[in-house]
Amino acid sequence: LSLITAKRVLYVMNVDEDDLQGQNELCKKVRA
């Protein structure tokens, strides 16, 4: 069937230059 949402997903957070570990509140929501 090749359904799109059957595929596994990796989330890549594009972060600020001073937050390279992705610790801001926006990143915390994505991690959760």
Full PDB file with SEQRES, HELIX, SHEET, SSBOND, CRYST1, ORIGX, SCALE, CONECT and MASTER records, all heavy atoms in Angstrom:
SEQRES   1 A   32  LEU SER LEU ILE THR ALA LYS ARG VAL LEU TYR VAL MET          
SEQRES   2 A   32  ASN VAL ASP GLU ASP ASP LEU GLN GLY GLN ASN GLU LEU          
SEQRES   3 A   32  CYS LYS LYS VAL ARG ALA                                      
HELIX    1 AA1 ILE A    4  ALA A    6  5                                   3    
HELIX    2 AA2 GLU A   25  ARG A   31  1                                   7    
CRYST1    1.000    1.000    1.000  90.00  90.00  90.00 P 1           1          
ORIGX1      1.000000  0.000000  0.000000        0.00000                         
ORIGX2      0.000000  1.000000  0.000000        0.00000                         
ORIGX3      0.000000  0.000000  1.000000        0.00000                         
SCALE1      1.000000  0.000000  0.000000        0.00000                         
SCALE2      0.000000  1.000000  0.000000        0.00000                         
SCALE3      0.000000  0.000000  1.000000        0.00000                         
ATOM      1  N   LEU A   1       0.816  -1.210   0.000  1.00  0.00           N  
ATOM      2  CA  LEU A   1       0.000   0.000   0.000  1.00  0.00           C  
ATOM      3  C   LEU A   1       0.852   1.263   0.000  1.00  0.00           C  
ATOM      4  O   LEU A   1       0.417   2.325  -0.454  1.00  0.00           O  
ATOM      5  CB  LEU A   1      -0.919   0.013   1.231  1.00  0.00           C  
ATOM      6  CG  LEU A   1      -2.172  -0.855   1.163  1.00  0.00           C  
ATOM      7  CD1 LEU A   1      -2.854  -0.889   2.520  1.00  0.00           C  
ATOM      8  CD2 LEU A   1      -3.140  -0.327   0.105  1.00  0.00           C  
ATOM      9  N   SER A   2       2.071   1.172   0.521  1.00  0.00           N  
ATOM     10  CA  SER A   2       3.022   2.299   0.560  1.00  0.00           C  
ATOM     11  C   SER A   2       2.412   3.540   1.218  1.00  0.00           C  
ATOM     12  O   SER A   2       2.571   4.664   0.721  1.00  0.00           O  
ATOM     13  CB  SER A   2       3.490   2.657  -0.862  1.00  0.00           C  
ATOM     14  OG  SER A   2       4.212   1.597  -1.428  1.00  0.00           O  
ATOM     15  N   LEU A   3       1.725   3.343   2.321  1.00  0.00           N  
ATOM     16  CA  LEU A   3       1.160   4.486   3.027  1.00  0.00           C  
ATOM     17  C   LEU A   3       2.283   5.344   3.620  1.00  0.00           C  
ATOM     18  O   LEU A   3       3.248   4.823   4.189  1.00  0.00           O  
ATOM     19  CB  LEU A   3       0.217   4.023   4.131  1.00  0.00           C  
ATOM     20  CG  LEU A   3      -1.042   3.270   3.667  1.00  0.00           C  
ATOM     21  CD1 LEU A   3      -1.920   2.944   4.864  1.00  0.00           C  
ATOM     22  CD2 LEU A   3      -1.823   4.084   2.637  1.00  0.00           C  
ATOM     23  N   ILE A   4       2.127   6.650   3.492  1.00  0.00           N  
ATOM     24  CA  ILE A   4       3.176   7.570   3.949  1.00  0.00           C  
ATOM     25  C   ILE A   4       3.365   7.475   5.458  1.00  0.00           C  
ATOM     26  O   ILE A   4       4.488   7.442   5.953  1.00  0.00           O  
ATOM     27  CB  ILE A   4       2.823   9.018   3.560  1.00  0.00           C  
ATOM     28  CG1 ILE A   4       2.708   9.145   2.042  1.00  0.00           C  
ATOM     29  CG2 ILE A   4       3.869   9.984   4.091  1.00  0.00           C  
ATOM     30  CD1 ILE A   4       2.162  10.479   1.581  1.00  0.00           C  
ATOM     31  N   THR A   5       2.245   7.424   6.202  1.00  0.00           N  
ATOM     32  CA  THR A   5       2.358   7.458   7.662  1.00  0.00           C  
ATOM     33  C   THR A   5       2.701   6.099   8.260  1.00  0.00           C  
ATOM     34  O   THR A   5       2.781   5.962   9.481  1.00  0.00           O  
ATOM     35  CB  THR A   5       1.057   7.992   8.302  1.00  0.00           C  
ATOM     36  OG1 THR A   5      -0.032   7.130   7.983  1.00  0.00           O  
ATOM     37  CG2 THR A   5       0.760   9.397   7.811  1.00  0.00           C  
ATOM     38  N   ALA A   6       2.902   5.101   7.411  1.00  0.00           N  
ATOM     39  CA  ALA A   6       3.412   3.821   7.905  1.00  0.00           C  
ATOM     40  C   ALA A   6       4.931   3.885   8.064  1.00  0.00           C  
ATOM     41  O   ALA A   6       5.538   3.039   8.719  1.00  0.00           O  
ATOM     42  CB  ALA A   6       3.037   2.696   6.954  1.00  0.00           C  
ATOM     43  N   LYS A   7       5.554   4.896   7.477  1.00  0.00           N  
ATOM     44  CA  LYS A   7       7.012   5.029   7.513  1.00  0.00           C  
ATOM     45  C   LYS A   7       7.456   5.562   8.869  1.00  0.00           C  
ATOM     46  O   LYS A   7       6.754   6.356   9.506  1.00  0.00           O  
ATOM     47  CB  LYS A   7       7.482   5.975   6.400  1.00  0.00           C  
ATOM     48  CG  LYS A   7       7.032   5.561   5.007  1.00  0.00           C  
ATOM     49  CD  LYS A   7       7.448   6.585   3.966  1.00  0.00           C  
ATOM     50  CE  LYS A   7       6.764   6.316   2.626  1.00  0.00           C  
ATOM     51  NZ  LYS A   7       7.091   5.013   2.064  1.00  0.00           N  
ATOM     52  N   ARG A   8       8.614   5.150   9.299  1.00  0.00           N  
ATOM     53  CA  ARG A   8       9.162   5.642  10.558  1.00  0.00           C  
ATOM     54  C   ARG A   8       9.641   7.079  10.377  1.00  0.00           C  
ATOM     55  O   ARG A   8      10.033   7.493   9.285  1.00  0.00           O  
ATOM     56  CB  ARG A   8      10.303   4.744  11.032  1.00  0.00           C  
ATOM     57  CG  ARG A   8       9.851   3.323  11.327  1.00  0.00           C  
ATOM     58  CD  ARG A   8      10.971   2.502  11.921  1.00  0.00           C  
ATOM     59  NE  ARG A   8      11.335   2.968  13.250  1.00  0.00           N  
ATOM     60  CZ  ARG A   8      12.332   2.455  13.976  1.00  0.00           C  
ATOM     61  NH1 ARG A   8      13.063   1.474  13.483  1.00  0.00           N  
ATOM     62  NH2 ARG A   8      12.604   2.909  15.171  1.00  0.00           N  
ATOM     63  N   VAL A   9       9.617   7.851  11.478  1.00  0.00           N  
ATOM     64  CA  VAL A   9       9.950   9.268  11.425  1.00  0.00           C  
ATOM     65  C   VAL A   9      11.096   9.595  12.377  1.00  0.00           C  
ATOM     66  O   VAL A   9      11.155   9.086  13.500  1.00  0.00           O  
ATOM     67  CB  VAL A   9       8.726  10.132  11.799  1.00  0.00           C  
ATOM     68  CG1 VAL A   9       9.088  11.621  11.818  1.00  0.00           C  
ATOM     69  CG2 VAL A   9       7.582   9.892  10.822  1.00  0.00           C  
ATOM     70  N   LEU A  10      12.014  10.422  11.904  1.00  0.00           N  
ATOM     71  CA  LEU A  10      13.067  11.009  12.735  1.00  0.00           C  
ATOM     72  C   LEU A  10      12.818  12.510  12.756  1.00  0.00           C  
ATOM     73  O   LEU A  10      12.718  13.138  11.701  1.00  0.00           O  
ATOM     74  CB  LEU A  10      14.444  10.709  12.142  1.00  0.00           C  
ATOM     75  CG  LEU A  10      15.620  11.529  12.681  1.00  0.00           C  
ATOM     76  CD1 LEU A  10      15.867  11.223  14.154  1.00  0.00           C  
ATOM     77  CD2 LEU A  10      16.887  11.260  11.862  1.00  0.00           C  
ATOM     78  N   TYR A  11      12.693  13.081  13.950  1.00  0.00           N  
ATOM     79  CA  TYR A  11      12.485  14.524  14.070  1.00  0.00           C  
ATOM     80  C   TYR A  11      13.833  15.233  14.210  1.00  0.00           C  
ATOM     81  O   TYR A  11      14.641  14.888  15.083  1.00  0.00           O  
ATOM     82  CB  TYR A  11      11.594  14.843  15.271  1.00  0.00           C  
ATOM     83  CG  TYR A  11      10.171  14.371  15.085  1.00  0.00           C  
ATOM     84  CD1 TYR A  11       9.728  13.173  15.662  1.00  0.00           C  
ATOM     85  CD2 TYR A  11       9.281  15.099  14.311  1.00  0.00           C  
ATOM     86  CE1 TYR A  11       8.428  12.731  15.472  1.00  0.00           C  
ATOM     87  CE2 TYR A  11       7.967  14.660  14.117  1.00  0.00           C  
ATOM     88  CZ  TYR A  11       7.558  13.479  14.699  1.00  0.00           C  
ATOM     89  OH  TYR A  11       6.264  13.034  14.495  1.00  0.00           O  
ATOM     90  N   VAL A  12      14.081  16.199  13.334  1.00  0.00           N  
ATOM     91  CA  VAL A  12      15.315  16.983  13.363  1.00  0.00           C  
ATOM     92  C   VAL A  12      14.954  18.406  13.769  1.00  0.00           C  
ATOM     93  O   VAL A  12      14.253  19.111  13.031  1.00  0.00           O  
ATOM     94  CB  VAL A  12      16.021  16.981  11.993  1.00  0.00           C  
ATOM     95  CG1 VAL A  12      17.301  17.800  12.059  1.00  0.00           C  
ATOM     96  CG2 VAL A  12      16.313  15.561  11.544  1.00  0.00           C  
ATOM     97  N   MET A  13      15.401  18.821  14.951  1.00  0.00           N  
ATOM     98  CA  MET A  13      15.097  20.155  15.460  1.00  0.00           C  
ATOM     99  C   MET A  13      16.159  21.132  14.970  1.00  0.00           C  
ATOM    100  O   MET A  13      17.338  20.963  15.281  1.00  0.00           O  
ATOM    101  CB  MET A  13      15.070  20.145  16.990  1.00  0.00           C  
ATOM    102  CG  MET A  13      14.086  19.178  17.598  1.00  0.00           C  
ATOM    103  SD  MET A  13      14.022  19.282  19.417  1.00  0.00           S  
ATOM    104  CE  MET A  13      15.715  18.830  19.862  1.00  0.00           C  
ATOM    105  N   ASN A  14      15.758  22.133  14.201  1.00  0.00           N  
ATOM    106  CA  ASN A  14      16.681  23.173  13.755  1.00  0.00           C  
ATOM    107  C   ASN A  14      16.740  24.232  14.849  1.00  0.00           C  
ATOM    108  O   ASN A  14      15.767  24.954  15.084  1.00  0.00           O  
ATOM    109  CB  ASN A  14      16.199  23.778  12.434  1.00  0.00           C  
ATOM    110  CG  ASN A  14      17.265  24.635  11.770  1.00  0.00           C  
ATOM    111  OD1 ASN A  14      18.381  24.746  12.261  1.00  0.00           O  
ATOM    112  ND2 ASN A  14      16.912  25.240  10.651  1.00  0.00           N  
ATOM    113  N   VAL A  15      17.882  24.311  15.542  1.00  0.00           N  
ATOM    114  CA  VAL A  15      17.987  25.090  16.781  1.00  0.00           C  
ATOM    115  C   VAL A  15      18.828  26.355  16.597  1.00  0.00           C  
ATOM    116  O   VAL A  15      19.483  26.555  15.578  1.00  0.00           O  
ATOM    117  CB  VAL A  15      18.580  24.221  17.911  1.00  0.00           C  
ATOM    118  CG1 VAL A  15      17.704  23.013  18.186  1.00  0.00           C  
ATOM    119  CG2 VAL A  15      20.013  23.779  17.580  1.00  0.00           C  
ATOM    120  N   ASP A  16      18.792  27.192  17.634  1.00  0.00           N  
ATOM    121  CA  ASP A  16      19.592  28.423  17.648  1.00  0.00           C  
ATOM    122  C   ASP A  16      21.072  28.118  17.776  1.00  0.00           C  
ATOM    123  O   ASP A  16      21.470  27.061  18.306  1.00  0.00           O  
ATOM    124  CB  ASP A  16      19.173  29.313  18.826  1.00  0.00           C  
ATOM    125  CG  ASP A  16      17.827  29.975  18.617  1.00  0.00           C  
ATOM    126  OD1 ASP A  16      17.641  30.592  17.544  1.00  0.00           O  
ATOM    127  OD2 ASP A  16      16.963  29.885  19.515  1.00  0.00           O  
ATOM    128  N   GLU A  17      21.896  29.073  17.352  1.00  0.00           N  
ATOM    129  CA  GLU A  17      23.350  28.923  17.437  1.00  0.00           C  
ATOM    130  C   GLU A  17      23.835  28.849  18.881  1.00  0.00           C  
ATOM    131  O   GLU A  17      24.906  28.304  19.146  1.00  0.00           O  
ATOM    132  CB  GLU A  17      24.040  30.088  16.712  1.00  0.00           C  
ATOM    133  CG  GLU A  17      23.788  30.102  15.204  1.00  0.00           C  
ATOM    134  CD  GLU A  17      24.435  31.283  14.526  1.00  0.00           C  
ATOM    135  OE1 GLU A  17      25.671  31.401  14.590  1.00  0.00           O  
ATOM    136  OE2 GLU A  17      23.706  32.095  13.925  1.00  0.00           O  
ATOM    137  N   ASP A  18      23.071  29.432  19.824  1.00  0.00           N  
ATOM    138  CA  ASP A  18      23.476  29.391  21.230  1.00  0.00           C  
ATOM    139  C   ASP A  18      22.709  28.322  22.015  1.00  0.00           C  
ATOM    140  O   ASP A  18      22.678  28.342  23.245  1.00  0.00           O  
ATOM    141  CB  ASP A  18      23.308  30.762  21.883  1.00  0.00           C  
ATOM    142  CG  ASP A  18      21.866  31.276  21.826  1.00  0.00           C  
ATOM    143  OD1 ASP A  18      21.012  30.562  21.250  1.00  0.00           O  
ATOM    144  OD2 ASP A  18      21.595  32.372  22.345  1.00  0.00           O  
ATOM    145  N   ASP A  19      22.076  27.407  21.309  1.00  0.00           N  
ATOM    146  CA  ASP A  19      21.331  26.312  21.962  1.00  0.00           C  
ATOM    147  C   ASP A  19      21.549  25.024  21.178  1.00  0.00           C  
ATOM    148  O   ASP A  19      20.600  24.379  20.738  1.00  0.00           O  
ATOM    149  CB  ASP A  19      19.845  26.660  22.042  1.00  0.00           C  
ATOM    150  CG  ASP A  19      19.039  25.635  22.837  1.00  0.00           C  
ATOM    151  OD1 ASP A  19      19.621  24.968  23.718  1.00  0.00           O  
ATOM    152  OD2 ASP A  19      17.835  25.474  22.547  1.00  0.00           O  
ATOM    153  N   LEU A  20      22.807  24.658  20.985  1.00  0.00           N  
ATOM    154  CA  LEU A  20      23.144  23.536  20.102  1.00  0.00           C  
ATOM    155  C   LEU A  20      22.649  22.192  20.623  1.00  0.00           C  
ATOM    156  O   LEU A  20      22.489  21.249  19.849  1.00  0.00           O  
ATOM    157  CB  LEU A  20      24.662  23.485  19.883  1.00  0.00           C  
ATOM    158  CG  LEU A  20      25.268  24.715  19.197  1.00  0.00           C  
ATOM    159  CD1 LEU A  20      26.777  24.520  18.985  1.00  0.00           C  
ATOM    160  CD2 LEU A  20      24.582  25.007  17.868  1.00  0.00           C  
ATOM    161  N   GLN A  21      22.391  22.083  21.917  1.00  0.00           N  
ATOM    162  CA  GLN A  21      21.880  20.831  22.479  1.00  0.00           C  
ATOM    163  C   GLN A  21      20.355  20.777  22.445  1.00  0.00           C  
ATOM    164  O   GLN A  21      19.760  19.764  22.804  1.00  0.00           O  
ATOM    165  CB  GLN A  21      22.380  20.650  23.920  1.00  0.00           C  
ATOM    166  CG  GLN A  21      23.897  20.638  24.056  1.00  0.00           C  
ATOM    167  CD  GLN A  21      24.546  19.571  23.207  1.00  0.00           C  
ATOM    168  OE1 GLN A  21      24.060  18.446  23.141  1.00  0.00           O  
ATOM    169  NE2 GLN A  21      25.649  19.906  22.555  1.00  0.00           N  
ATOM    170  N   GLY A  22      19.723  21.863  22.018  1.00  0.00           N  
ATOM    171  CA  GLY A  22      18.264  21.871  21.909  1.00  0.00           C  
ATOM    172  C   GLY A  22      17.575  21.780  23.249  1.00  0.00           C  
ATOM    173  O   GLY A  22      16.810  20.849  23.500  1.00  0.00           O  
ATOM    174  N   GLN A  23      17.812  22.781  24.119  1.00  0.00           N  
ATOM    175  CA  GLN A  23      17.247  22.747  25.467  1.00  0.00           C  
ATOM    176  C   GLN A  23      16.150  23.777  25.696  1.00  0.00           C  
ATOM    177  O   GLN A  23      15.617  23.873  26.799  1.00  0.00           O  
ATOM    178  CB  GLN A  23      18.375  22.968  26.488  1.00  0.00           C  
ATOM    179  CG  GLN A  23      19.456  21.902  26.470  1.00  0.00           C  
ATOM    180  CD  GLN A  23      18.916  20.516  26.772  1.00  0.00           C  
ATOM    181  OE1 GLN A  23      18.046  20.350  27.631  1.00  0.00           O  
ATOM    182  NE2 GLN A  23      19.410  19.509  26.068  1.00  0.00           N  
ATOM    183  N   ASN A  24      15.812  24.591  24.683  1.00  0.00           N  
ATOM    184  CA  ASN A  24      14.776  25.602  24.917  1.00  0.00           C  
ATOM    185  C   ASN A  24      13.389  24.965  25.018  1.00  0.00           C  
ATOM    186  O   ASN A  24      13.220  23.761  24.800  1.00  0.00           O  
ATOM    187  CB  ASN A  24      14.828  26.716  23.848  1.00  0.00           C  
ATOM    188  CG  ASN A  24      14.383  26.253  22.463  1.00  0.00           C  
ATOM    189  OD1 ASN A  24      13.672  25.253  22.308  1.00  0.00           O  
ATOM    190  ND2 ASN A  24      14.791  26.979  21.443  1.00  0.00           N  
ATOM    191  N   GLU A  25      12.409  25.776  25.360  1.00  0.00           N  
ATOM    192  CA  GLU A  25      11.063  25.248  25.606  1.00  0.00           C  
ATOM    193  C   GLU A  25      10.447  24.624  24.354  1.00  0.00           C  
ATOM    194  O   GLU A  25       9.706  23.644  24.436  1.00  0.00           O  
ATOM    195  CB  GLU A  25      10.154  26.360  26.144  1.00  0.00           C  
ATOM    196  CG  GLU A  25      10.496  26.804  27.553  1.00  0.00           C  
ATOM    197  CD  GLU A  25      10.466  25.660  28.555  1.00  0.00           C  
ATOM    198  OE1 GLU A  25       9.500  24.878  28.525  1.00  0.00           O  
ATOM    199  OE2 GLU A  25      11.417  25.537  29.349  1.00  0.00           O  
ATOM    200  N   LEU A  26      10.747  25.187  23.183  1.00  0.00           N  
ATOM    201  CA  LEU A  26      10.228  24.629  21.941  1.00  0.00           C  
ATOM    202  C   LEU A  26      10.764  23.214  21.734  1.00  0.00           C  
ATOM    203  O   LEU A  26      10.025  22.300  21.359  1.00  0.00           O  
ATOM    204  CB  LEU A  26      10.626  25.515  20.756  1.00  0.00           C  
ATOM    205  CG  LEU A  26      10.139  26.965  20.777  1.00  0.00           C  
ATOM    206  CD1 LEU A  26      10.637  27.708  19.536  1.00  0.00           C  
ATOM    207  CD2 LEU A  26       8.620  27.028  20.857  1.00  0.00           C  
ATOM    208  N   CYS A  27      12.060  23.038  22.001  1.00  0.00           N  
ATOM    209  CA  CYS A  27      12.692  21.727  21.829  1.00  0.00           C  
ATOM    210  C   CYS A  27      12.135  20.705  22.812  1.00  0.00           C  
ATOM    211  O   CYS A  27      11.958  19.529  22.470  1.00  0.00           O  
ATOM    212  CB  CYS A  27      14.204  21.840  21.994  1.00  0.00           C  
ATOM    213  SG  CYS A  27      15.023  22.786  20.684  1.00  0.00           S  
ATOM    214  N   LYS A  28      11.861  21.150  24.032  1.00  0.00           N  
ATOM    215  CA  LYS A  28      11.323  20.227  25.040  1.00  0.00           C  
ATOM    216  C   LYS A  28       9.984  19.645  24.581  1.00  0.00           C  
ATOM    217  O   LYS A  28       9.688  18.469  24.809  1.00  0.00           O  
ATOM    218  CB  LYS A  28      11.173  20.950  26.374  1.00  0.00           C  
ATOM    219  CG  LYS A  28      12.504  21.266  27.053  1.00  0.00           C  
ATOM    220  CD  LYS A  28      12.299  22.034  28.352  1.00  0.00           C  
ATOM    221  CE  LYS A  28      13.646  22.380  29.000  1.00  0.00           C  
ATOM    222  NZ  LYS A  28      13.466  23.189  30.225  1.00  0.00           N  
ATOM    223  N   LYS A  29       9.177  20.480  23.926  1.00  0.00           N  
ATOM    224  CA  LYS A  29       7.887  19.994  23.425  1.00  0.00           C  
ATOM    225  C   LYS A  29       8.072  18.953  22.324  1.00  0.00           C  
ATOM    226  O   LYS A  29       7.361  17.946  22.274  1.00  0.00           O  
ATOM    227  CB  LYS A  29       7.066  21.178  22.896  1.00  0.00           C  
ATOM    228  CG  LYS A  29       6.613  22.144  23.980  1.00  0.00           C  
ATOM    229  CD  LYS A  29       5.836  23.303  23.377  1.00  0.00           C  
ATOM    230  CE  LYS A  29       5.387  24.289  24.461  1.00  0.00           C  
ATOM    231  NZ  LYS A  29       4.656  25.438  23.874  1.00  0.00           N  
ATOM    232  N   VAL A  30       9.038  19.208  21.443  1.00  0.00           N  
ATOM    233  CA  VAL A  30       9.291  18.265  20.345  1.00  0.00           C  
ATOM    234  C   VAL A  30       9.820  16.947  20.892  1.00  0.00           C  
ATOM    235  O   VAL A  30       9.434  15.867  20.443  1.00  0.00           O  
ATOM    236  CB  VAL A  30      10.278  18.866  19.324  1.00  0.00           C  
ATOM    237  CG1 VAL A  30      10.602  17.846  18.235  1.00  0.00           C  
ATOM    238  CG2 VAL A  30       9.690  20.126  18.692  1.00  0.00           C  
ATOM    239  N   ARG A  31      10.723  17.040  21.876  1.00  0.00           N  
ATOM    240  CA  ARG A  31      11.270  15.817  22.483  1.00  0.00           C  
ATOM    241  C   ARG A  31      10.152  14.970  23.109  1.00  0.00           C  
ATOM    242  O   ARG A  31      10.132  13.743  22.967  1.00  0.00           O  
ATOM    243  CB  ARG A  31      12.310  16.175  23.550  1.00  0.00           C  
ATOM    244  CG  ARG A  31      13.610  16.752  22.999  1.00  0.00           C  
ATOM    245  CD  ARG A  31      14.591  17.031  24.132  1.00  0.00           C  
ATOM    246  NE  ARG A  31      15.756  17.751  23.684  1.00  0.00           N  
ATOM    247  CZ  ARG A  31      16.811  17.203  23.092  1.00  0.00           C  
ATOM    248  NH1 ARG A  31      16.819  15.894  22.888  1.00  0.00           N  
ATOM    249  NH2 ARG A  31      17.841  17.939  22.716  1.00  0.00           N  
ATOM    250  N   ALA A  32       9.243  15.630  23.800  1.00  0.00           N  
ATOM    251  CA  ALA A  32       8.135  14.898  24.443  1.00  0.00           C  
ATOM    252  C   ALA A  32       7.257  14.230  23.392  1.00  0.00           C  
ATOM    253  O   ALA A  32       6.829  13.080  23.569  1.00  0.00           O  
ATOM    254  CB  ALA A  32       7.319  15.856  25.308  1.00  0.00           C  
TER     255      ALA A  32                                                      
MASTER        0    0    0    2    0    0    0    6  254    1    0    3          
END                                                                             
